[in-house]
Amino acid sequence: MHIIAYKQELVKKLYSQGILCTLAFEKRGLNGWNKIEDKEKYLQKTLKLIEKYPECNLAINLEPSNLICLDIDDPEKFQRIYKENFDDTLSCKTPRGYHFYFANDINLTQNISLPKFGFEIHCKHLSNFFGKNYKLNLKEIKKASDYKPFFSFLFDLLSQSQTKLTQNKDISLLESNWHTDIYNKKSINIQTSIRGKKGDIIDVCMPYTPAEIFKKFEELEGERSFIEFVFRFVFSVEAKKNMLCVLHEERNPSASVFKSNITGKWLYKDFHTFKTYSILDLLLEYFNTHKHLQKVYRKALAIYLIRVFEQENKELKIANLLRDRGEILCKCYLIVKSLDTLQGEIFLGVRDLAKMLGLRDITKANRLLNFLCLIELFEKYERGYGRAYGYRVRDINIENLERELARTRHIDIYRLSKEEAMKYFDNEKVEEIYKRAGKERAGKEKIEEKEFVKILLEVFGGKILK
């Protein structure tokens, strides 16, 4: 393929995944590279510039692409303190080292130099990735949001770079701001968004989750009693050969649960789409589990369902009580509770929760969470740097839950403002749950961002690039 056509095709593929590219002469962008009024027009302009200046390098415009570039200028120094390969992200060979790209999940807005480790962190301006002296390591072109989160890389870097003399000081500094135990993977807390604009979940590849859990789940998929339990517990329906589809609203049956003659496992057939699902895949589809959530939720749901099936009748009672109050309330509980079964804590952002619940408005998802806290089924807690909050399920008395749901039956959860909550619940409890609302949050984001950069500099000994 001619170089012009190849560059244009590459730019189009990256654009389709949310990554904006432009041209750069050596390290400087051509005039107008930072003027983005319309992304489609920006793309067309880049394609025309490629025809006019085919010798120029291709560069990623980092800020609108929401990417961070790890610019390694001293590979030997970097590899002495960090051994992992970045096979799951876009990368290129540069004249002096490498560029690796990460999802900007921390909303970093300033470039940082870390000479101690032989690299710089870029989140603004342009980053060359293809052309003269730049060789692209072209694998699968993925969405920017699917790249490894930069926050996860920072923790990996810190854990691999400490000496015994500096460990305690640097780790205590991070722990005091992120409430994070770097070395004890059984109690990792991950915060995916400082300012709450992104709510992605991070899989920290939990080494303590036994691989046997999936083997056990596969065994149970061949047992009729387990399949009947899953459908009764999650969908509140009977698993049958001819049944209403749990993935669609309908009046006439268009789904079937049947046992495979080949594998001996029970499967689910949706005649709307003619897709066949394993039971675990059906659950991921039912909970609208997006790609970046699936790895974690596959573990979470498998562990949760096995545990409930084998020993916890209390969970069945709680799910049924919530389902009587509203299906979506039960669904919200199952989503959060399944994460609670994992050792350690995984942060599910409210945007992802809203998507999983089929809610377009994240305010509605927040109010569902607030209501479940007010009736004391969930506990809201401050989870470290940036005043982000997490939710976990409390151990609750069934009679108390039943009483609270009956007492609040007439409340419209989606309209449950702080003022409305004051009428029905203890004022001190309401203040605690709504403490991040409104003016209290306003004006703090910039301060928190500066504090974050300061922490990085204290830990890594770098300096901000001008």
Protein backbone atom coordinates (compact mmCIF):
# COMPACT_ATOMS: atom_id res chain seq x y z
CA MET A 1 0.00 0.00 0.00
CA HIS A 2 1.25 3.49 -0.82
CA ILE A 3 2.52 5.38 2.24
CA ILE A 4 -0.10 8.13 1.89
CA ALA A 5 -2.98 5.65 1.73
CA TYR A 6 -1.49 3.64 4.60
CA LYS A 7 -1.18 6.72 6.84
CA GLN A 8 -4.72 7.80 6.01
CA GLU A 9 -6.11 4.34 6.77
CA LEU A 10 -4.21 4.25 10.07
CA VAL A 11 -5.55 7.67 11.10
CA LYS A 12 -9.11 6.59 10.25
CA LYS A 13 -8.82 3.40 12.32
CA LEU A 14 -7.51 5.33 15.31
CA TYR A 15 -10.24 7.94 14.90
CA SER A 16 -12.91 5.21 14.94
CA GLN A 17 -11.58 4.24 18.39
CA GLY A 18 -11.69 7.78 19.78
CA ILE A 19 -8.06 8.72 19.09
CA LEU A 20 -7.34 11.99 17.25
CA CYS A 21 -4.22 12.20 15.12
CA THR A 22 -2.47 14.99 13.26
CA LEU A 23 0.85 15.64 11.54
CA ALA A 24 4.11 16.77 13.11
CA PHE A 25 7.36 17.94 11.58
CA GLU A 26 9.93 16.32 13.87
CA LYS A 27 8.31 17.16 17.25
CA ARG A 28 6.30 20.22 16.28
CA GLY A 29 2.72 20.09 15.08
CA LEU A 30 1.65 21.84 11.89
CA ASN A 31 -0.31 25.07 12.22
CA GLY A 32 -3.74 24.57 13.72
CA TRP A 33 -3.00 21.18 15.30
CA ASN A 34 -4.61 22.24 18.60
CA LYS A 35 -7.74 23.87 17.14
CA ILE A 36 -10.47 21.29 17.58
CA GLU A 37 -13.97 22.64 17.08
CA ASP A 38 -15.36 19.57 15.35
CA LYS A 39 -13.63 16.17 15.52
CA GLU A 40 -14.91 15.01 12.15
CA LYS A 41 -13.56 18.15 10.48
CA TYR A 42 -10.29 17.66 12.35
CA LEU A 43 -10.05 14.16 10.86
CA GLN A 44 -10.72 15.39 7.32
CA LYS A 45 -8.12 18.12 7.75
CA THR A 46 -5.53 15.55 8.85
CA LEU A 47 -6.28 13.32 5.86
CA LYS A 48 -5.73 16.24 3.49
CA LEU A 49 -2.49 17.24 5.24
CA ILE A 50 -1.17 13.71 4.76
CA GLU A 51 -1.58 14.13 0.99
CA LYS A 52 0.16 17.51 1.13
CA TYR A 53 2.98 16.55 3.54
CA PRO A 54 3.47 12.77 3.23
CA GLU A 55 6.95 12.98 4.78
CA CYS A 56 5.67 14.29 8.14
CA ASN A 57 5.24 12.08 11.19
CA LEU A 58 1.88 10.98 12.50
CA ALA A 59 1.21 12.14 16.06
CA ILE A 60 -1.53 11.53 18.60
CA ASN A 61 -3.22 14.57 20.06
CA LEU A 62 -3.19 13.29 23.63
CA GLU A 63 -5.61 15.55 25.48
CA PRO A 64 -8.76 15.11 23.30
CA SER A 65 -7.90 11.41 22.90
CA ASN A 66 -7.82 11.06 26.71
CA LEU A 67 -4.48 9.25 26.56
CA ILE A 68 -1.25 9.46 28.53
CA CYS A 69 2.07 8.82 26.82
CA LEU A 70 4.87 7.16 28.76
CA ASP A 71 7.96 8.57 27.01
CA ILE A 72 10.93 6.33 27.86
CA ASP A 73 14.20 8.03 26.91
CA ASP A 74 16.48 5.78 28.99
CA PRO A 75 15.28 2.19 28.41
CA GLU A 76 18.06 0.57 30.49
CA LYS A 77 17.25 2.65 33.55
CA PHE A 78 13.53 2.06 33.10
CA GLN A 79 13.87 -1.71 32.69
CA ARG A 80 15.93 -1.98 35.87
CA ILE A 81 12.91 -0.89 37.88
CA TYR A 82 10.02 -2.14 35.74
CA LYS A 83 9.92 -5.54 34.06
CA GLU A 84 6.43 -5.77 32.58
CA ASN A 85 5.82 -5.72 28.84
CA PHE A 86 3.06 -3.50 27.47
CA ASP A 87 1.55 -5.96 25.03
CA ASP A 88 -2.00 -4.72 25.61
CA THR A 89 -1.51 -1.12 24.52
CA LEU A 90 -0.41 0.98 21.55
CA SER A 91 3.35 1.52 21.47
CA CYS A 92 6.16 2.64 19.19
CA LYS A 93 9.96 2.67 18.99
CA THR A 94 11.38 6.20 19.18
CA PRO A 95 14.87 7.54 18.33
CA ARG A 96 15.94 7.17 21.99
CA GLY A 97 13.51 4.68 23.46
CA TYR A 98 9.79 3.96 23.42
CA HIS A 99 6.33 5.51 23.64
CA PHE A 100 3.62 3.57 25.46
CA TYR A 101 0.05 4.82 25.70
CA PHE A 102 -2.35 4.46 28.63
CA ALA A 103 -5.92 5.47 29.34
CA ASN A 104 -5.94 8.80 31.19
CA ASP A 105 -8.12 7.50 34.01
CA ILE A 106 -6.69 9.98 36.52
CA ASN A 107 -7.57 13.13 34.53
CA LEU A 108 -3.95 14.28 34.62
CA THR A 109 -3.55 17.67 32.95
CA GLN A 110 0.17 18.44 33.32
CA ASN A 111 3.27 16.81 31.85
CA ILE A 112 5.66 15.38 34.44
CA SER A 113 9.35 14.50 34.21
CA LEU A 114 10.68 11.58 36.27
CA PRO A 115 14.41 11.40 35.46
CA LYS A 116 14.94 9.04 38.40
CA PHE A 117 13.21 6.35 36.35
CA GLY A 118 14.32 7.40 32.89
CA PHE A 119 10.98 8.55 31.52
CA GLU A 120 8.48 11.41 31.21
CA ILE A 121 4.70 11.42 31.47
CA HIS A 122 2.89 13.37 28.74
CA CYS A 123 -0.82 14.12 28.71
CA LYS A 124 -0.82 17.35 26.71
CA HIS A 125 0.36 18.35 23.24
CA LEU A 126 1.40 15.81 20.59
CA SER A 127 3.09 12.42 20.71
CA ASN A 128 4.76 11.05 17.56
CA PHE A 129 4.06 7.39 16.89
CA PHE A 130 4.72 6.75 13.18
CA GLY A 131 7.11 8.16 10.60
CA LYS A 132 10.77 9.12 10.40
CA ASN A 133 12.65 7.47 13.32
CA TYR A 134 9.32 6.27 14.79
CA LYS A 135 8.33 2.63 14.27
CA LEU A 136 4.79 1.71 15.29
CA ASN A 137 4.27 -1.63 17.01
CA LEU A 138 0.95 -2.24 15.30
CA LYS A 139 -1.25 -4.82 16.97
CA GLU A 140 -4.97 -4.59 17.52
CA ILE A 141 -6.16 -0.98 17.46
CA LYS A 142 -8.39 -0.66 20.50
CA LYS A 143 -10.46 2.10 22.03
CA ALA A 144 -8.49 4.55 24.12
CA SER A 145 -10.57 3.57 27.16
CA ASP A 146 -9.56 -0.09 26.70
CA TYR A 147 -5.86 0.58 27.20
CA LYS A 148 -4.27 -0.21 30.53
CA PRO A 149 -5.31 2.47 33.06
CA PHE A 150 -2.41 4.73 33.99
CA PHE A 151 -3.33 4.64 37.67
CA SER A 152 -2.76 0.88 37.69
CA PHE A 153 0.65 1.36 36.05
CA LEU A 154 1.69 3.86 38.74
CA PHE A 155 1.06 1.35 41.50
CA ASP A 156 2.90 -1.37 39.58
CA LEU A 157 5.81 1.00 39.06
CA LEU A 158 6.00 1.99 42.70
CA SER A 159 5.85 -1.57 43.93
CA GLN A 160 8.70 -2.60 41.61
CA SER A 161 10.90 0.44 42.14
CA GLN A 162 11.22 0.69 45.92
CA THR A 163 14.39 -0.10 47.81
CA LYS A 164 14.21 -1.19 51.43
CA LEU A 165 15.47 2.23 52.50
CA THR A 166 12.72 4.17 50.71
CA GLN A 167 9.82 1.74 50.87
CA ASN A 168 8.28 2.83 54.13
CA LYS A 169 8.37 6.56 53.45
CA ASP A 170 7.02 6.42 49.90
CA ILE A 171 4.42 3.74 50.53
CA SER A 172 3.09 5.49 53.62
CA LEU A 173 2.71 8.64 51.55
CA LEU A 174 0.61 6.80 48.98
CA GLU A 175 -1.34 4.89 51.60
CA SER A 176 -2.25 8.10 53.41
CA ASN A 177 -3.72 9.53 50.23
CA TRP A 178 -5.18 6.44 48.54
CA HIS A 179 -5.77 4.15 51.53
CA THR A 180 -3.88 1.55 49.54
CA ASP A 181 -1.75 -1.37 50.63
CA ILE A 182 0.64 -1.79 47.71
CA TYR A 183 2.12 -5.13 48.65
CA ASN A 184 -0.89 -6.91 50.08
CA LYS A 185 -2.85 -7.71 46.93
CA LYS A 186 -5.66 -9.08 49.05
CA SER A 187 -6.65 -5.59 50.19
CA ILE A 188 -6.04 -3.35 47.20
CA ASN A 189 -8.26 -0.31 46.84
CA ILE A 190 -8.27 1.19 43.37
CA GLN A 191 -9.74 4.59 42.60
CA THR A 192 -10.36 4.99 38.91
CA SER A 193 -11.31 8.64 38.79
CA ILE A 194 -10.10 11.59 40.82
CA ARG A 195 -12.77 13.95 39.60
CA GLY A 196 -15.53 11.47 39.01
CA LYS A 197 -15.69 12.11 35.27
CA LYS A 198 -14.76 8.54 34.47
CA GLY A 199 -16.05 5.60 36.39
CA ASP A 200 -14.32 2.63 34.90
CA ILE A 201 -13.65 -0.45 36.90
CA ILE A 202 -10.10 -1.80 37.15
CA ASP A 203 -9.24 -5.48 37.25
CA VAL A 204 -6.09 -5.86 39.32
CA CYS A 205 -5.65 -9.51 38.26
CA MET A 206 -6.36 -10.73 41.77
CA PRO A 207 -3.90 -13.57 42.41
CA TYR A 208 -5.88 -14.85 45.37
CA THR A 209 -9.00 -15.76 43.33
CA PRO A 210 -8.53 -19.51 42.75
CA ALA A 211 -8.75 -20.73 39.18
CA GLU A 212 -10.82 -23.61 40.58
CA ILE A 213 -13.79 -21.26 40.91
CA PHE A 214 -14.49 -21.49 37.18
CA LYS A 215 -13.99 -25.23 37.17
CA LYS A 216 -16.56 -25.46 39.95
CA PHE A 217 -18.95 -23.22 38.05
CA GLU A 218 -18.57 -25.36 34.92
CA GLU A 219 -19.46 -28.43 36.96
CA LEU A 220 -22.56 -26.72 38.34
CA GLU A 221 -23.64 -25.66 34.84
CA GLY A 222 -24.41 -29.33 34.24
CA GLU A 223 -26.73 -29.56 37.26
CA ARG A 224 -30.41 -28.80 36.81
CA SER A 225 -30.80 -27.71 40.45
CA PHE A 226 -28.16 -24.99 40.05
CA ILE A 227 -29.72 -23.65 36.84
CA GLU A 228 -33.14 -23.52 38.49
CA PHE A 229 -31.60 -21.65 41.43
CA VAL A 230 -29.88 -19.05 39.19
CA PHE A 231 -33.06 -18.28 37.27
CA ARG A 232 -35.13 -18.07 40.44
CA PHE A 233 -32.55 -15.95 42.31
CA VAL A 234 -31.46 -13.54 39.56
CA PHE A 235 -34.46 -13.39 37.20
CA SER A 236 -37.29 -14.51 39.50
CA VAL A 237 -38.59 -16.89 36.82
CA GLU A 238 -38.66 -20.64 36.27
CA ALA A 239 -36.10 -22.10 33.86
CA LYS A 240 -38.08 -23.92 31.16
CA LYS A 241 -37.84 -25.21 27.60
CA ASN A 242 -40.37 -22.61 26.49
CA MET A 243 -40.23 -19.36 28.47
CA LEU A 244 -40.38 -15.57 28.32
CA CYS A 245 -36.99 -14.12 27.42
CA VAL A 246 -35.18 -12.59 30.39
CA LEU A 247 -33.33 -10.21 28.05
CA HIS A 248 -36.43 -8.71 26.41
CA GLU A 249 -39.84 -7.46 27.46
CA GLU A 250 -42.46 -9.64 25.79
CA ARG A 251 -45.79 -11.41 26.21
CA ASN A 252 -45.13 -14.52 24.15
CA PRO A 253 -42.36 -17.02 24.99
CA SER A 254 -39.28 -16.73 22.78
CA ALA A 255 -36.50 -18.35 24.80
CA SER A 256 -35.43 -21.79 25.89
CA VAL A 257 -33.24 -23.41 28.54
CA PHE A 258 -31.85 -26.71 27.31
CA LYS A 259 -29.01 -29.12 28.00
CA SER A 260 -26.27 -29.52 25.40
CA ASN A 261 -25.84 -33.08 24.14
CA ILE A 262 -22.17 -32.33 23.48
CA THR A 263 -20.96 -30.58 26.65
CA GLY A 264 -23.63 -31.69 29.12
CA LYS A 265 -24.07 -28.05 30.22
CA TRP A 266 -27.30 -26.11 30.40
CA LEU A 267 -27.57 -23.31 27.85
CA TYR A 268 -29.94 -20.46 27.09
CA LYS A 269 -31.32 -19.72 23.61
CA ASP A 270 -32.71 -16.26 22.75
CA PHE A 271 -34.89 -16.54 19.63
CA HIS A 272 -34.97 -12.76 19.20
CA THR A 273 -31.31 -12.78 18.22
CA PHE A 274 -30.83 -16.57 17.77
CA LYS A 275 -27.89 -16.36 20.17
CA THR A 276 -27.02 -19.19 22.53
CA TYR A 277 -25.52 -18.27 25.91
CA SER A 278 -23.80 -20.17 28.66
CA ILE A 279 -25.37 -19.31 32.01
CA LEU A 280 -22.47 -17.04 32.98
CA ASP A 281 -22.54 -15.26 29.61
CA LEU A 282 -26.29 -14.81 29.98
CA LEU A 283 -25.74 -13.07 33.32
CA LEU A 284 -23.13 -10.72 31.79
CA GLU A 285 -25.61 -9.87 29.04
CA TYR A 286 -28.47 -9.39 31.51
CA PHE A 287 -26.43 -7.01 33.64
CA ASN A 288 -25.37 -5.13 30.49
CA THR A 289 -21.76 -5.79 31.38
CA HIS A 290 -19.53 -3.82 29.05
CA LYS A 291 -16.25 -5.14 27.72
CA HIS A 292 -14.02 -3.47 30.31
CA LEU A 293 -16.19 -4.89 33.11
CA GLN A 294 -16.55 -8.45 31.92
CA LYS A 295 -13.33 -9.93 33.26
CA VAL A 296 -14.02 -8.77 36.80
CA TYR A 297 -17.74 -9.59 36.74
CA ARG A 298 -17.13 -13.06 35.35
CA LYS A 299 -15.19 -13.78 38.55
CA ALA A 300 -17.54 -11.87 40.81
CA LEU A 301 -20.75 -13.51 39.60
CA ALA A 302 -19.25 -17.00 39.58
CA ILE A 303 -18.04 -16.70 43.18
CA TYR A 304 -21.23 -15.01 44.37
CA LEU A 305 -23.65 -17.51 42.83
CA ILE A 306 -21.73 -20.55 44.03
CA ARG A 307 -21.60 -19.16 47.55
CA VAL A 308 -25.29 -18.31 47.65
CA PHE A 309 -26.28 -21.64 46.07
CA GLU A 310 -24.31 -23.64 48.62
CA GLN A 311 -24.98 -21.81 51.87
CA GLU A 312 -26.70 -18.42 52.02
CA ASN A 313 -30.49 -18.51 52.14
CA LYS A 314 -30.41 -14.99 53.58
CA GLU A 315 -29.35 -13.64 50.18
CA LEU A 316 -32.45 -15.14 48.59
CA LYS A 317 -34.68 -13.41 51.14
CA ILE A 318 -32.98 -10.03 50.64
CA ALA A 319 -33.23 -10.30 46.84
CA ASN A 320 -36.94 -11.18 47.04
CA LEU A 321 -37.71 -8.31 49.42
CA LEU A 322 -35.98 -5.82 47.13
CA ARG A 323 -37.63 -7.29 44.05
CA ASP A 324 -41.03 -6.69 45.64
CA ARG A 325 -40.06 -3.00 45.97
CA GLY A 326 -38.73 -2.85 42.42
CA GLU A 327 -36.77 -5.04 40.00
CA ILE A 328 -34.14 -2.37 39.42
CA LEU A 329 -33.52 -2.07 43.18
CA CYS A 330 -32.83 -5.80 43.32
CA LYS A 331 -30.59 -5.57 40.26
CA CYS A 332 -28.57 -2.76 41.86
CA TYR A 333 -28.09 -4.88 44.98
CA LEU A 334 -26.95 -7.92 43.00
CA ILE A 335 -24.41 -5.84 41.05
CA VAL A 336 -22.78 -4.35 44.15
CA LYS A 337 -23.09 -7.50 46.25
CA SER A 338 -21.36 -9.64 43.63
CA LEU A 339 -18.36 -7.29 43.76
CA ASP A 340 -18.38 -7.56 47.54
CA THR A 341 -17.68 -11.28 47.24
CA LEU A 342 -14.24 -10.54 45.79
CA GLN A 343 -11.46 -10.16 48.32
CA GLY A 344 -10.24 -6.60 48.30
CA GLU A 345 -12.25 -3.76 46.83
CA ILE A 346 -13.04 -2.90 43.23
CA PHE A 347 -14.43 0.52 42.50
CA LEU A 348 -17.44 0.57 40.16
CA GLY A 349 -18.06 4.11 38.92
CA VAL A 350 -21.61 5.43 38.96
CA ARG A 351 -21.58 5.88 35.17
CA ASP A 352 -20.93 2.18 34.65
CA LEU A 353 -23.52 1.30 37.26
CA ALA A 354 -26.09 3.47 35.46
CA LYS A 355 -25.32 1.67 32.18
CA MET A 356 -25.63 -1.74 33.80
CA LEU A 357 -28.99 -0.76 35.26
CA GLY A 358 -30.19 0.65 31.94
CA LEU A 359 -30.45 4.19 33.33
CA ARG A 360 -29.52 7.09 31.09
CA ASP A 361 -29.30 9.50 34.00
CA ILE A 362 -26.50 8.91 36.54
CA THR A 363 -28.49 10.98 39.05
CA LYS A 364 -31.02 8.15 39.17
CA ALA A 365 -28.25 5.65 39.87
CA ASN A 366 -26.93 7.89 42.66
CA ARG A 367 -30.39 8.11 44.21
CA LEU A 368 -30.79 4.34 44.12
CA LEU A 369 -27.49 4.02 45.99
CA ASN A 370 -28.51 6.74 48.46
CA PHE A 371 -31.81 4.99 49.17
CA LEU A 372 -30.09 1.66 49.81
CA CYS A 373 -27.77 3.49 52.23
CA LEU A 374 -30.66 5.21 53.99
CA ILE A 375 -32.38 1.88 54.68
CA GLU A 376 -28.93 0.70 55.86
CA LEU A 377 -28.49 -2.10 53.33
CA PHE A 378 -25.48 -0.33 51.81
CA GLU A 379 -22.70 1.55 53.55
CA LYS A 380 -21.18 4.62 51.93
CA TYR A 381 -17.55 5.29 52.72
CA GLU A 382 -14.85 7.72 51.68
CA ARG A 383 -12.37 5.71 49.71
CA GLY A 384 -9.23 7.79 49.61
CA TYR A 385 -7.76 10.48 47.46
CA GLY A 386 -10.02 12.95 45.70
CA ARG A 387 -12.97 12.37 48.09
CA ALA A 388 -14.33 9.59 45.94
CA TYR A 389 -16.91 7.37 47.64
CA GLY A 390 -17.49 3.65 47.47
CA TYR A 391 -20.40 1.44 48.53
CA ARG A 392 -20.41 -1.93 50.21
CA VAL A 393 -23.20 -4.17 51.48
CA ARG A 394 -23.86 -4.19 55.21
CA ASP A 395 -24.83 -7.22 57.25
CA ILE A 396 -28.48 -6.44 57.91
CA ASN A 397 -31.28 -7.98 59.92
CA ILE A 398 -34.00 -9.29 57.57
CA GLU A 399 -36.83 -8.06 59.80
CA ASN A 400 -35.34 -4.55 59.90
CA LEU A 401 -35.00 -4.49 56.12
CA GLU A 402 -38.56 -5.69 55.67
CA ARG A 403 -39.80 -3.00 58.07
CA GLU A 404 -37.85 -0.22 56.33
CA LEU A 405 -39.02 -1.24 52.85
CA ALA A 406 -42.63 -1.28 54.06
CA ARG A 407 -42.24 2.10 55.79
CA THR A 408 -40.76 3.75 52.68
CA ARG A 409 -42.94 2.00 50.09
CA HIS A 410 -44.61 5.23 48.94
CA ILE A 411 -41.29 7.10 48.38
CA ASP A 412 -40.33 7.81 44.76
CA ILE A 413 -36.67 6.79 44.90
CA TYR A 414 -35.75 8.71 41.74
CA ARG A 415 -36.98 11.96 43.33
CA LEU A 416 -35.37 11.35 46.69
CA SER A 417 -33.48 14.60 47.23
CA LYS A 418 -31.68 15.47 50.45
CA GLU A 419 -34.59 17.64 51.57
CA GLU A 420 -37.09 14.85 50.90
CA ALA A 421 -34.93 12.30 52.72
CA MET A 422 -34.90 14.55 55.81
CA LYS A 423 -38.65 13.91 56.18
CA TYR A 424 -38.31 10.15 56.51
CA PHE A 425 -34.87 9.40 57.90
CA ASP A 426 -32.64 10.47 60.75
CA ASN A 427 -31.13 13.87 59.85
CA GLU A 428 -27.64 12.88 60.97
CA LYS A 429 -27.76 9.82 58.73
CA VAL A 430 -28.98 11.91 55.80
CA GLU A 431 -26.16 14.44 56.26
CA GLU A 432 -23.62 11.63 56.24
CA ILE A 433 -24.96 10.08 53.04
CA TYR A 434 -25.45 13.33 51.13
CA LYS A 435 -22.20 14.90 52.29
CA ARG A 436 -20.72 15.19 48.80
CA ALA A 437 -23.68 16.98 47.27
CA GLY A 438 -23.77 20.41 45.68
CA LYS A 439 -21.63 23.28 46.90
CA GLU A 440 -19.35 21.16 49.06
CA ARG A 441 -17.84 19.66 45.90
CA ALA A 442 -17.69 22.89 43.90
CA GLY A 443 -14.28 24.53 43.53
CA LYS A 444 -12.32 21.60 44.98
CA GLU A 445 -11.39 19.77 41.80
CA LYS A 446 -8.46 22.00 40.85
CA ILE A 447 -7.05 21.86 44.36
CA GLU A 448 -7.25 18.10 44.39
CA GLU A 449 -5.55 17.86 41.02
CA LYS A 450 -2.63 19.98 42.24
CA GLU A 451 -2.39 17.85 45.35
CA PHE A 452 -2.28 14.73 43.21
CA VAL A 453 0.62 16.06 41.11
CA LYS A 454 2.41 17.09 44.31
CA ILE A 455 2.11 13.55 45.67
CA LEU A 456 3.55 12.10 42.48
CA LEU A 457 6.48 14.44 42.68
CA GLU A 458 7.12 13.67 46.34
CA VAL A 459 7.01 9.94 45.70
CA PHE A 460 8.94 9.82 42.43
CA GLY A 461 11.21 12.85 42.81
CA GLY A 462 10.30 14.40 39.46
CA LYS A 463 9.58 17.90 38.25
CA ILE A 464 6.76 19.36 36.20
CA LEU A 465 7.61 20.06 32.60
CA LYS A 466 6.95 23.58 31.35
